[in-house]
């Protein structure tokens, strides 16, 4: 009987560790790559210049239903937490025509940064992203603390972001 308890305990520890790894995202607390991006309005944005603030970086496409469904939640998050220091960056995939991106951003009145990844360099820097939406939550220290493929659960990330903002 004690052997079964020991095995069950080991399995429980392994499961907790695996869940922790999944929650942190692949690579755990790795440093976010220091990539430069050009925004839709032609401004250069260097990820390292945003250190000291939490960053939500999401790869998206105009033809991605999940991306479009998530957009109103990101806009709301930007309006609520952007003035307190949160930076949101939407990175349009390289296959998305810039004029199509611009039209959608204007139509939906997206207030946060939209970067064009024309050559796919930003996607490669984050592990060769191909699926959208793929979102990274980056701590004020510049570490990736969450990676999510698919729509982001705002109730999951909001408390972490608010905690960081309270410390800034």
N, C-alpha and C. Protein backbone atom coordinates (compact mmCIF):
# COMPACT_ATOMS: atom_id res chain seq x y z
N UNK A 1 0.82 -1.19 0.00
CA UNK A 1 0.00 0.00 0.00
C UNK A 1 0.86 1.26 0.00
N UNK A 2 1.95 1.25 0.75
CA UNK A 2 2.82 2.42 0.82
C UNK A 2 3.50 2.67 -0.52
N UNK A 3 3.81 1.62 -1.24
CA UNK A 3 4.43 1.77 -2.56
C UNK A 3 3.49 2.50 -3.51
N UNK A 4 2.20 2.17 -3.44
CA UNK A 4 1.20 2.84 -4.28
C UNK A 4 1.11 4.32 -3.92
N UNK A 5 1.18 4.63 -2.62
CA UNK A 5 1.14 6.03 -2.18
C UNK A 5 2.36 6.79 -2.71
N UNK A 6 3.52 6.15 -2.66
CA UNK A 6 4.73 6.78 -3.17
C UNK A 6 4.63 7.05 -4.67
N UNK A 7 4.16 6.07 -5.41
CA UNK A 7 4.00 6.23 -6.86
C UNK A 7 2.98 7.33 -7.15
N UNK A 8 1.88 7.35 -6.44
CA UNK A 8 0.87 8.39 -6.63
C UNK A 8 1.45 9.77 -6.32
N UNK A 9 2.27 9.85 -5.29
CA UNK A 9 2.91 11.13 -4.93
C UNK A 9 3.86 11.61 -6.01
N UNK A 10 4.64 10.69 -6.55
CA UNK A 10 5.58 11.04 -7.62
C UNK A 10 4.81 11.51 -8.85
N UNK A 11 3.76 10.81 -9.19
CA UNK A 11 2.93 11.20 -10.35
C UNK A 11 2.34 12.59 -10.13
N UNK A 12 1.87 12.87 -8.93
CA UNK A 12 1.28 14.17 -8.62
C UNK A 12 2.32 15.28 -8.78
N UNK A 13 3.54 15.03 -8.29
CA UNK A 13 4.61 16.03 -8.41
C UNK A 13 4.94 16.28 -9.88
N UNK A 14 5.02 15.23 -10.66
CA UNK A 14 5.32 15.36 -12.10
C UNK A 14 4.21 16.15 -12.79
N UNK A 15 2.96 15.86 -12.47
CA UNK A 15 1.83 16.58 -13.08
C UNK A 15 1.85 18.06 -12.73
N UNK A 16 2.13 18.38 -11.48
CA UNK A 16 2.19 19.79 -11.05
C UNK A 16 3.32 20.50 -11.79
N UNK A 17 4.47 19.85 -11.89
CA UNK A 17 5.60 20.44 -12.60
C UNK A 17 5.26 20.66 -14.08
N UNK A 18 4.61 19.67 -14.69
CA UNK A 18 4.23 19.79 -16.10
C UNK A 18 3.23 20.91 -16.31
N UNK A 19 2.26 21.02 -15.43
CA UNK A 19 1.28 22.11 -15.54
C UNK A 19 1.95 23.47 -15.37
N UNK A 20 2.89 23.56 -14.44
CA UNK A 20 3.64 24.81 -14.27
C UNK A 20 4.41 25.17 -15.53
N UNK A 21 5.01 24.19 -16.17
CA UNK A 21 5.75 24.45 -17.41
C UNK A 21 4.80 24.92 -18.50
N UNK A 22 3.64 24.28 -18.62
CA UNK A 22 2.67 24.68 -19.64
C UNK A 22 2.19 26.09 -19.36
N UNK A 23 1.91 26.44 -18.10
CA UNK A 23 1.43 27.77 -17.78
C UNK A 23 2.47 28.82 -18.13
N UNK A 24 3.73 28.52 -17.85
CA UNK A 24 4.78 29.48 -18.15
C UNK A 24 5.06 29.57 -19.64
N UNK A 25 4.64 28.56 -20.39
CA UNK A 25 4.90 28.57 -21.82
C UNK A 25 6.18 27.83 -22.10
N UNK A 26 6.36 27.46 -23.34
CA UNK A 26 7.58 26.75 -23.69
C UNK A 26 8.77 27.67 -23.49
N UNK A 27 9.80 27.12 -22.89
CA UNK A 27 10.99 27.91 -22.62
C UNK A 27 10.96 28.56 -21.24
N UNK A 28 9.83 28.45 -20.53
CA UNK A 28 9.76 28.99 -19.19
C UNK A 28 9.96 30.49 -19.14
N UNK A 29 10.84 30.93 -18.27
CA UNK A 29 11.05 32.36 -18.06
C UNK A 29 12.20 32.89 -18.91
N UNK A 30 12.20 32.53 -20.17
CA UNK A 30 13.28 32.99 -21.03
C UNK A 30 13.10 34.48 -21.34
N UNK A 31 14.20 35.12 -21.64
CA UNK A 31 14.18 36.53 -21.98
C UNK A 31 13.54 36.68 -23.36
N UNK A 32 12.68 37.69 -23.49
CA UNK A 32 12.06 37.97 -24.79
C UNK A 32 13.14 38.45 -25.75
N UNK A 33 13.06 38.05 -27.00
CA UNK A 33 14.07 38.51 -27.97
C UNK A 33 13.99 40.02 -28.16
N UNK A 34 15.12 40.63 -28.34
CA UNK A 34 15.16 42.08 -28.56
C UNK A 34 15.03 42.33 -30.06
N UNK A 35 13.81 42.42 -30.50
CA UNK A 35 13.56 42.61 -31.92
C UNK A 35 13.04 44.02 -32.17
N UNK A 36 13.33 44.49 -33.36
CA UNK A 36 12.79 45.76 -33.81
C UNK A 36 11.62 45.51 -34.74
N UNK A 37 10.66 46.41 -34.70
CA UNK A 37 9.47 46.28 -35.54
C UNK A 37 9.14 47.65 -36.12
N UNK A 38 8.48 47.63 -37.25
CA UNK A 38 7.97 48.86 -37.83
C UNK A 38 6.46 48.82 -37.70
N UNK A 39 5.91 49.85 -37.10
CA UNK A 39 4.47 49.90 -36.89
C UNK A 39 3.76 50.33 -38.17
N UNK A 40 2.49 50.14 -38.16
CA UNK A 40 1.66 50.47 -39.32
C UNK A 40 1.80 51.93 -39.72
N UNK A 41 2.03 52.79 -38.73
CA UNK A 41 2.20 54.21 -39.04
C UNK A 41 3.65 54.60 -39.33
N UNK A 42 4.52 53.59 -39.52
CA UNK A 42 5.90 53.84 -39.95
C UNK A 42 6.90 54.10 -38.85
N UNK A 43 6.50 53.99 -37.60
CA UNK A 43 7.42 54.22 -36.49
C UNK A 43 8.18 52.94 -36.17
N UNK A 44 9.45 53.12 -35.76
CA UNK A 44 10.25 51.97 -35.33
C UNK A 44 10.01 51.73 -33.86
N UNK A 45 9.84 50.46 -33.51
CA UNK A 45 9.57 50.06 -32.14
C UNK A 45 10.53 48.95 -31.78
N UNK A 46 11.35 49.18 -30.77
CA UNK A 46 12.32 48.19 -30.30
C UNK A 46 11.78 47.60 -29.01
N UNK A 47 11.64 46.29 -28.96
CA UNK A 47 11.05 45.65 -27.79
C UNK A 47 11.80 45.98 -26.50
N UNK A 48 13.11 46.07 -26.57
CA UNK A 48 13.90 46.36 -25.36
C UNK A 48 13.60 47.75 -24.80
N UNK A 49 13.11 48.66 -25.61
CA UNK A 49 12.77 50.01 -25.14
C UNK A 49 11.54 50.01 -24.25
N UNK A 50 10.81 48.90 -24.23
CA UNK A 50 9.59 48.81 -23.42
C UNK A 50 9.86 48.16 -22.06
N UNK A 51 11.12 47.84 -21.78
CA UNK A 51 11.45 47.25 -20.47
C UNK A 51 10.99 48.19 -19.38
N UNK A 52 10.56 47.61 -18.30
CA UNK A 52 10.02 48.38 -17.19
C UNK A 52 8.50 48.41 -17.22
N UNK A 53 7.92 47.92 -18.33
CA UNK A 53 6.47 47.87 -18.48
C UNK A 53 6.08 46.46 -18.93
N UNK A 54 4.91 45.99 -18.53
CA UNK A 54 4.45 44.71 -19.06
C UNK A 54 4.05 44.87 -20.53
N UNK A 55 4.30 43.82 -21.30
CA UNK A 55 3.99 43.84 -22.74
C UNK A 55 3.18 42.60 -23.08
N UNK A 56 2.13 42.81 -23.82
CA UNK A 56 1.34 41.72 -24.38
C UNK A 56 1.55 41.79 -25.88
N UNK A 57 2.26 40.80 -26.43
CA UNK A 57 2.59 40.79 -27.85
C UNK A 57 1.84 39.65 -28.50
N UNK A 58 1.04 39.96 -29.49
CA UNK A 58 0.23 38.93 -30.12
C UNK A 58 0.43 38.91 -31.63
N UNK A 59 0.68 37.73 -32.14
CA UNK A 59 0.77 37.52 -33.59
C UNK A 59 -0.64 37.23 -34.09
N UNK A 60 -1.05 37.93 -35.13
CA UNK A 60 -2.41 37.81 -35.61
C UNK A 60 -2.47 37.97 -37.12
N UNK A 61 -3.63 37.67 -37.68
CA UNK A 61 -3.85 37.82 -39.13
C UNK A 61 -5.27 38.31 -39.36
N UNK A 62 -5.46 39.03 -40.43
CA UNK A 62 -6.78 39.58 -40.75
C UNK A 62 -7.78 38.49 -41.10
N UNK A 63 -7.29 37.31 -41.49
CA UNK A 63 -8.17 36.20 -41.88
C UNK A 63 -8.36 35.17 -40.76
N UNK A 64 -7.89 35.48 -39.58
CA UNK A 64 -7.94 34.56 -38.44
C UNK A 64 -9.17 34.87 -37.58
N UNK A 65 -10.16 33.97 -37.55
CA UNK A 65 -11.37 34.21 -36.76
C UNK A 65 -11.08 34.42 -35.26
N UNK A 66 -10.18 33.64 -34.70
CA UNK A 66 -9.84 33.79 -33.28
C UNK A 66 -9.20 35.13 -32.99
N UNK A 67 -8.37 35.61 -33.93
CA UNK A 67 -7.71 36.91 -33.76
C UNK A 67 -8.75 38.02 -33.74
N UNK A 68 -9.71 37.94 -34.65
CA UNK A 68 -10.74 38.96 -34.74
C UNK A 68 -11.66 38.93 -33.53
N UNK A 69 -11.93 37.73 -33.00
CA UNK A 69 -12.76 37.61 -31.81
C UNK A 69 -12.04 38.17 -30.58
N UNK A 70 -10.73 38.05 -30.54
CA UNK A 70 -9.93 38.50 -29.41
C UNK A 70 -9.71 40.02 -29.43
N UNK A 71 -9.76 40.61 -30.60
CA UNK A 71 -9.42 42.03 -30.76
C UNK A 71 -10.21 42.97 -29.85
N UNK A 72 -11.53 42.84 -29.72
CA UNK A 72 -12.26 43.74 -28.81
C UNK A 72 -11.78 43.65 -27.36
N UNK A 73 -11.37 42.46 -26.94
CA UNK A 73 -10.86 42.28 -25.58
C UNK A 73 -9.51 42.96 -25.40
N UNK A 74 -8.68 42.91 -26.44
CA UNK A 74 -7.39 43.60 -26.39
C UNK A 74 -7.59 45.11 -26.39
N UNK A 75 -8.56 45.58 -27.16
CA UNK A 75 -8.86 47.02 -27.19
C UNK A 75 -9.32 47.47 -25.81
N UNK A 76 -10.19 46.70 -25.19
CA UNK A 76 -10.68 47.02 -23.85
C UNK A 76 -9.53 47.02 -22.84
N UNK A 77 -8.66 46.02 -22.93
CA UNK A 77 -7.51 45.94 -22.03
C UNK A 77 -6.59 47.14 -22.23
N UNK A 78 -6.41 47.54 -23.49
CA UNK A 78 -5.58 48.72 -23.78
C UNK A 78 -6.18 49.97 -23.16
N UNK A 79 -7.48 50.17 -23.32
CA UNK A 79 -8.14 51.36 -22.76
C UNK A 79 -8.05 51.39 -21.23
N UNK A 80 -8.17 50.23 -20.60
CA UNK A 80 -8.15 50.16 -19.14
C UNK A 80 -6.74 50.23 -18.56
N UNK A 81 -5.80 49.48 -19.14
CA UNK A 81 -4.48 49.34 -18.53
C UNK A 81 -3.36 50.03 -19.29
N UNK A 82 -3.61 50.43 -20.52
CA UNK A 82 -2.60 51.16 -21.29
C UNK A 82 -2.16 52.44 -20.60
N UNK A 83 -3.10 53.26 -20.10
CA UNK A 83 -2.70 54.48 -19.41
C UNK A 83 -1.87 54.23 -18.15
N UNK A 84 -1.96 53.03 -17.60
CA UNK A 84 -1.20 52.68 -16.40
C UNK A 84 0.17 52.10 -16.74
N UNK A 85 0.42 51.81 -18.04
CA UNK A 85 1.74 51.33 -18.43
C UNK A 85 1.78 50.07 -19.27
N UNK A 86 0.66 49.40 -19.46
CA UNK A 86 0.66 48.19 -20.30
C UNK A 86 0.89 48.56 -21.76
N UNK A 87 1.75 47.81 -22.42
CA UNK A 87 1.97 47.96 -23.85
C UNK A 87 1.41 46.73 -24.55
N UNK A 88 0.57 46.96 -25.55
CA UNK A 88 0.05 45.86 -26.36
C UNK A 88 0.57 46.07 -27.78
N UNK A 89 1.10 45.00 -28.35
CA UNK A 89 1.60 45.05 -29.72
C UNK A 89 0.96 43.90 -30.50
N UNK A 90 0.26 44.24 -31.54
CA UNK A 90 -0.26 43.26 -32.46
C UNK A 90 0.68 43.15 -33.64
N UNK A 91 1.23 41.98 -33.88
CA UNK A 91 2.17 41.77 -34.98
C UNK A 91 1.43 41.06 -36.11
N UNK A 92 1.22 41.79 -37.20
CA UNK A 92 0.55 41.21 -38.37
C UNK A 92 1.50 40.25 -39.07
N UNK A 93 1.01 39.09 -39.40
CA UNK A 93 1.84 38.07 -40.03
C UNK A 93 2.35 38.54 -41.39
N UNK A 94 3.46 37.98 -41.80
CA UNK A 94 4.13 38.41 -43.04
C UNK A 94 3.28 38.20 -44.28
N UNK A 95 2.38 37.22 -44.25
CA UNK A 95 1.55 36.95 -45.43
C UNK A 95 0.34 37.89 -45.53
N UNK A 96 0.13 38.71 -44.51
CA UNK A 96 -1.00 39.64 -44.51
C UNK A 96 -0.63 40.91 -45.28
N UNK A 97 -1.33 41.24 -46.36
CA UNK A 97 -1.03 42.46 -47.11
C UNK A 97 -1.20 43.71 -46.23
N UNK A 98 -0.21 44.60 -46.20
CA UNK A 98 -0.29 45.80 -45.35
C UNK A 98 -1.57 46.61 -45.55
N UNK A 99 -2.05 46.73 -46.78
CA UNK A 99 -3.26 47.51 -47.00
C UNK A 99 -4.48 46.84 -46.35
N UNK A 100 -4.49 45.51 -46.33
CA UNK A 100 -5.57 44.77 -45.69
C UNK A 100 -5.50 44.95 -44.17
N UNK A 101 -4.28 44.94 -43.63
CA UNK A 101 -4.08 45.17 -42.20
C UNK A 101 -4.55 46.58 -41.83
N UNK A 102 -4.13 47.57 -42.61
CA UNK A 102 -4.50 48.96 -42.35
C UNK A 102 -6.01 49.16 -42.38
N UNK A 103 -6.66 48.55 -43.35
CA UNK A 103 -8.12 48.68 -43.47
C UNK A 103 -8.82 48.10 -42.25
N UNK A 104 -8.40 46.92 -41.82
CA UNK A 104 -9.03 46.29 -40.66
C UNK A 104 -8.77 47.09 -39.39
N UNK A 105 -7.55 47.56 -39.21
CA UNK A 105 -7.19 48.33 -38.02
C UNK A 105 -8.01 49.62 -37.96
N UNK A 106 -8.17 50.27 -39.10
CA UNK A 106 -8.97 51.50 -39.14
C UNK A 106 -10.45 51.20 -38.88
N UNK A 107 -10.96 50.17 -39.52
CA UNK A 107 -12.37 49.81 -39.36
C UNK A 107 -12.70 49.44 -37.91
N UNK A 108 -11.79 48.74 -37.26
CA UNK A 108 -12.03 48.31 -35.87
C UNK A 108 -11.51 49.31 -34.84
N UNK A 109 -10.90 50.40 -35.31
CA UNK A 109 -10.36 51.46 -34.45
C UNK A 109 -9.43 50.89 -33.37
N UNK A 110 -8.44 50.15 -33.83
CA UNK A 110 -7.47 49.53 -32.93
C UNK A 110 -6.52 50.60 -32.40
N UNK A 111 -6.49 50.82 -31.08
CA UNK A 111 -5.67 51.89 -30.52
C UNK A 111 -4.24 51.49 -30.13
N UNK A 112 -3.96 50.20 -30.05
CA UNK A 112 -2.64 49.76 -29.63
C UNK A 112 -1.72 49.61 -30.84
N UNK A 113 -0.41 49.39 -30.57
CA UNK A 113 0.58 49.27 -31.63
C UNK A 113 0.26 48.10 -32.55
N UNK A 114 0.34 48.34 -33.84
CA UNK A 114 0.25 47.27 -34.83
C UNK A 114 1.55 47.30 -35.63
N UNK A 115 2.27 46.19 -35.58
CA UNK A 115 3.54 46.08 -36.30
C UNK A 115 3.35 45.19 -37.53
N UNK A 116 4.04 45.55 -38.59
CA UNK A 116 4.02 44.75 -39.81
C UNK A 116 5.29 43.90 -39.82
N UNK A 117 5.13 42.62 -39.88
CA UNK A 117 6.28 41.70 -39.92
C UNK A 117 6.48 41.24 -41.36
N UNK A 118 6.85 42.18 -42.21
CA UNK A 118 6.89 41.95 -43.66
C UNK A 118 7.79 40.79 -44.07
N UNK A 119 8.92 40.62 -43.39
CA UNK A 119 9.85 39.56 -43.77
C UNK A 119 9.81 38.36 -42.82
N UNK A 120 8.93 38.39 -41.84
CA UNK A 120 8.79 37.27 -40.90
C UNK A 120 9.86 37.23 -39.83
N UNK A 121 10.67 38.29 -39.71
CA UNK A 121 11.77 38.30 -38.76
C UNK A 121 11.29 38.25 -37.31
N UNK A 122 10.22 38.96 -37.00
CA UNK A 122 9.71 38.97 -35.63
C UNK A 122 9.16 37.59 -35.28
N UNK A 123 8.41 36.99 -36.18
CA UNK A 123 7.88 35.64 -35.95
C UNK A 123 9.01 34.63 -35.74
N UNK A 124 10.08 34.73 -36.51
CA UNK A 124 11.22 33.83 -36.34
C UNK A 124 11.89 34.04 -34.98
N UNK A 125 12.02 35.30 -34.56
CA UNK A 125 12.67 35.60 -33.29
C UNK A 125 11.91 35.00 -32.10
N UNK A 126 10.60 34.84 -32.24
CA UNK A 126 9.78 34.27 -31.17
C UNK A 126 9.54 32.78 -31.35
N UNK A 127 10.35 32.11 -32.15
CA UNK A 127 10.25 30.66 -32.30
C UNK A 127 9.56 30.23 -33.58
N UNK A 128 9.64 31.05 -34.59
CA UNK A 128 9.05 30.76 -35.91
C UNK A 128 7.53 30.55 -35.80
N UNK A 129 6.87 31.56 -35.32
CA UNK A 129 5.41 31.52 -35.13
C UNK A 129 4.72 31.35 -36.47
N UNK A 130 3.80 30.39 -36.51
CA UNK A 130 3.01 30.14 -37.73
C UNK A 130 1.51 30.14 -37.45
N UNK A 131 1.13 29.87 -36.21
CA UNK A 131 -0.28 29.80 -35.86
C UNK A 131 -0.74 31.10 -35.21
N UNK A 132 -1.96 31.51 -35.55
CA UNK A 132 -2.51 32.72 -34.98
C UNK A 132 -3.86 32.42 -34.35
N UNK A 133 -4.20 33.15 -33.29
CA UNK A 133 -3.32 34.05 -32.56
C UNK A 133 -2.34 33.28 -31.68
N UNK A 134 -1.14 33.81 -31.59
CA UNK A 134 -0.15 33.34 -30.62
C UNK A 134 0.28 34.57 -29.84
N UNK A 135 0.13 34.49 -28.53
CA UNK A 135 0.36 35.65 -27.67
C UNK A 135 1.43 35.35 -26.63
N UNK A 136 2.24 36.38 -26.38
CA UNK A 136 3.29 36.30 -25.36
C UNK A 136 3.03 37.40 -24.34
N UNK A 137 3.05 37.01 -23.06
CA UNK A 137 2.99 37.97 -21.98
C UNK A 137 4.42 38.14 -21.48
N UNK A 138 4.91 39.37 -21.54
CA UNK A 138 6.30 39.66 -21.20
C UNK A 138 6.31 40.55 -19.95
N UNK A 139 7.07 40.13 -18.97
CA UNK A 139 7.15 40.85 -17.70
C UNK A 139 7.90 42.17 -17.89
N UNK A 140 7.78 43.09 -16.92
CA UNK A 140 8.54 44.34 -17.00
C UNK A 140 10.06 44.11 -17.07
N UNK A 141 10.51 42.96 -16.60
CA UNK A 141 11.94 42.63 -16.67
C UNK A 141 12.34 42.08 -18.03
N UNK A 142 11.37 41.92 -18.92
CA UNK A 142 11.67 41.44 -20.26
C UNK A 142 11.66 39.93 -20.40
N UNK A 143 11.01 39.24 -19.48
CA UNK A 143 10.95 37.77 -19.53
C UNK A 143 9.58 37.31 -20.00
N UNK A 144 9.59 36.27 -20.82
CA UNK A 144 8.33 35.68 -21.29
C UNK A 144 7.79 34.83 -20.15
N UNK A 145 6.61 35.19 -19.64
CA UNK A 145 6.03 34.44 -18.54
C UNK A 145 4.82 33.62 -18.99
N UNK A 146 4.36 33.87 -20.20
CA UNK A 146 3.20 33.13 -20.72
C UNK A 146 3.23 33.16 -22.23
N UNK A 147 3.02 32.00 -22.82
CA UNK A 147 2.84 31.88 -24.27
C UNK A 147 1.56 31.11 -24.50
N UNK A 148 0.71 31.63 -25.36
CA UNK A 148 -0.58 30.99 -25.59
C UNK A 148 -0.88 30.95 -27.07
N UNK A 149 -1.19 29.78 -27.57
CA UNK A 149 -1.67 29.62 -28.94
C UNK A 149 -3.19 29.53 -28.83
N UNK A 150 -3.88 30.35 -29.58
CA UNK A 150 -5.34 30.42 -29.49
C UNK A 150 -5.74 31.67 -28.73
N UNK A 151 -7.04 31.83 -28.59
CA UNK A 151 -7.55 33.03 -27.92
C UNK A 151 -7.08 33.08 -26.47
N UNK A 152 -6.69 34.26 -26.06
CA UNK A 152 -6.18 34.49 -24.72
C UNK A 152 -7.33 34.62 -23.73
N UNK A 153 -7.18 34.03 -22.56
CA UNK A 153 -8.14 34.17 -21.49
C UNK A 153 -7.75 35.41 -20.68
N UNK A 154 -8.47 36.50 -20.91
CA UNK A 154 -8.13 37.78 -20.26
C UNK A 154 -8.23 37.68 -18.74
N UNK A 155 -9.15 36.86 -18.23
CA UNK A 155 -9.28 36.69 -16.78
C UNK A 155 -8.06 36.02 -16.18
N UNK A 156 -7.29 35.34 -17.01
CA UNK A 156 -6.09 34.67 -16.54
C UNK A 156 -4.90 35.63 -16.51
N UNK A 157 -4.77 36.47 -17.53
CA UNK A 157 -3.59 37.34 -17.62
C UNK A 157 -3.78 38.69 -16.93
N UNK A 158 -5.02 39.16 -16.85
CA UNK A 158 -5.28 40.49 -16.27
C UNK A 158 -4.72 40.64 -14.84
N UNK A 159 -4.95 39.69 -13.93
CA UNK A 159 -4.42 39.86 -12.57
C UNK A 159 -2.89 39.99 -12.54
N UNK A 160 -2.22 39.22 -13.38
CA UNK A 160 -0.75 39.29 -13.43
C UNK A 160 -0.32 40.68 -13.90
N UNK A 161 -0.96 41.18 -14.96
CA UNK A 161 -0.63 42.51 -15.49
C UNK A 161 -0.90 43.58 -14.44
N UNK A 162 -2.06 43.51 -13.79
CA UNK A 162 -2.41 44.50 -12.76
C UNK A 162 -1.42 44.48 -11.60
N UNK A 163 -0.95 43.28 -11.25
CA UNK A 163 0.04 43.16 -10.18
C UNK A 163 1.33 43.89 -10.56
N UNK A 164 1.79 43.68 -11.80
CA UNK A 164 3.00 44.36 -12.26
C UNK A 164 2.80 45.87 -12.28
N UNK A 165 1.65 46.30 -12.79
CA UNK A 165 1.39 47.74 -12.90
C UNK A 165 1.35 48.40 -11.53
N UNK A 166 0.88 47.69 -10.53
CA UNK A 166 0.82 48.23 -9.17
C UNK A 166 2.23 48.45 -8.59
N UNK A 167 3.22 47.75 -9.15
CA UNK A 167 4.59 47.85 -8.66
C UNK A 167 5.41 48.88 -9.42
N UNK A 168 4.86 49.39 -10.50
CA UNK A 168 5.63 50.35 -11.32
C UNK A 168 5.57 51.72 -10.68
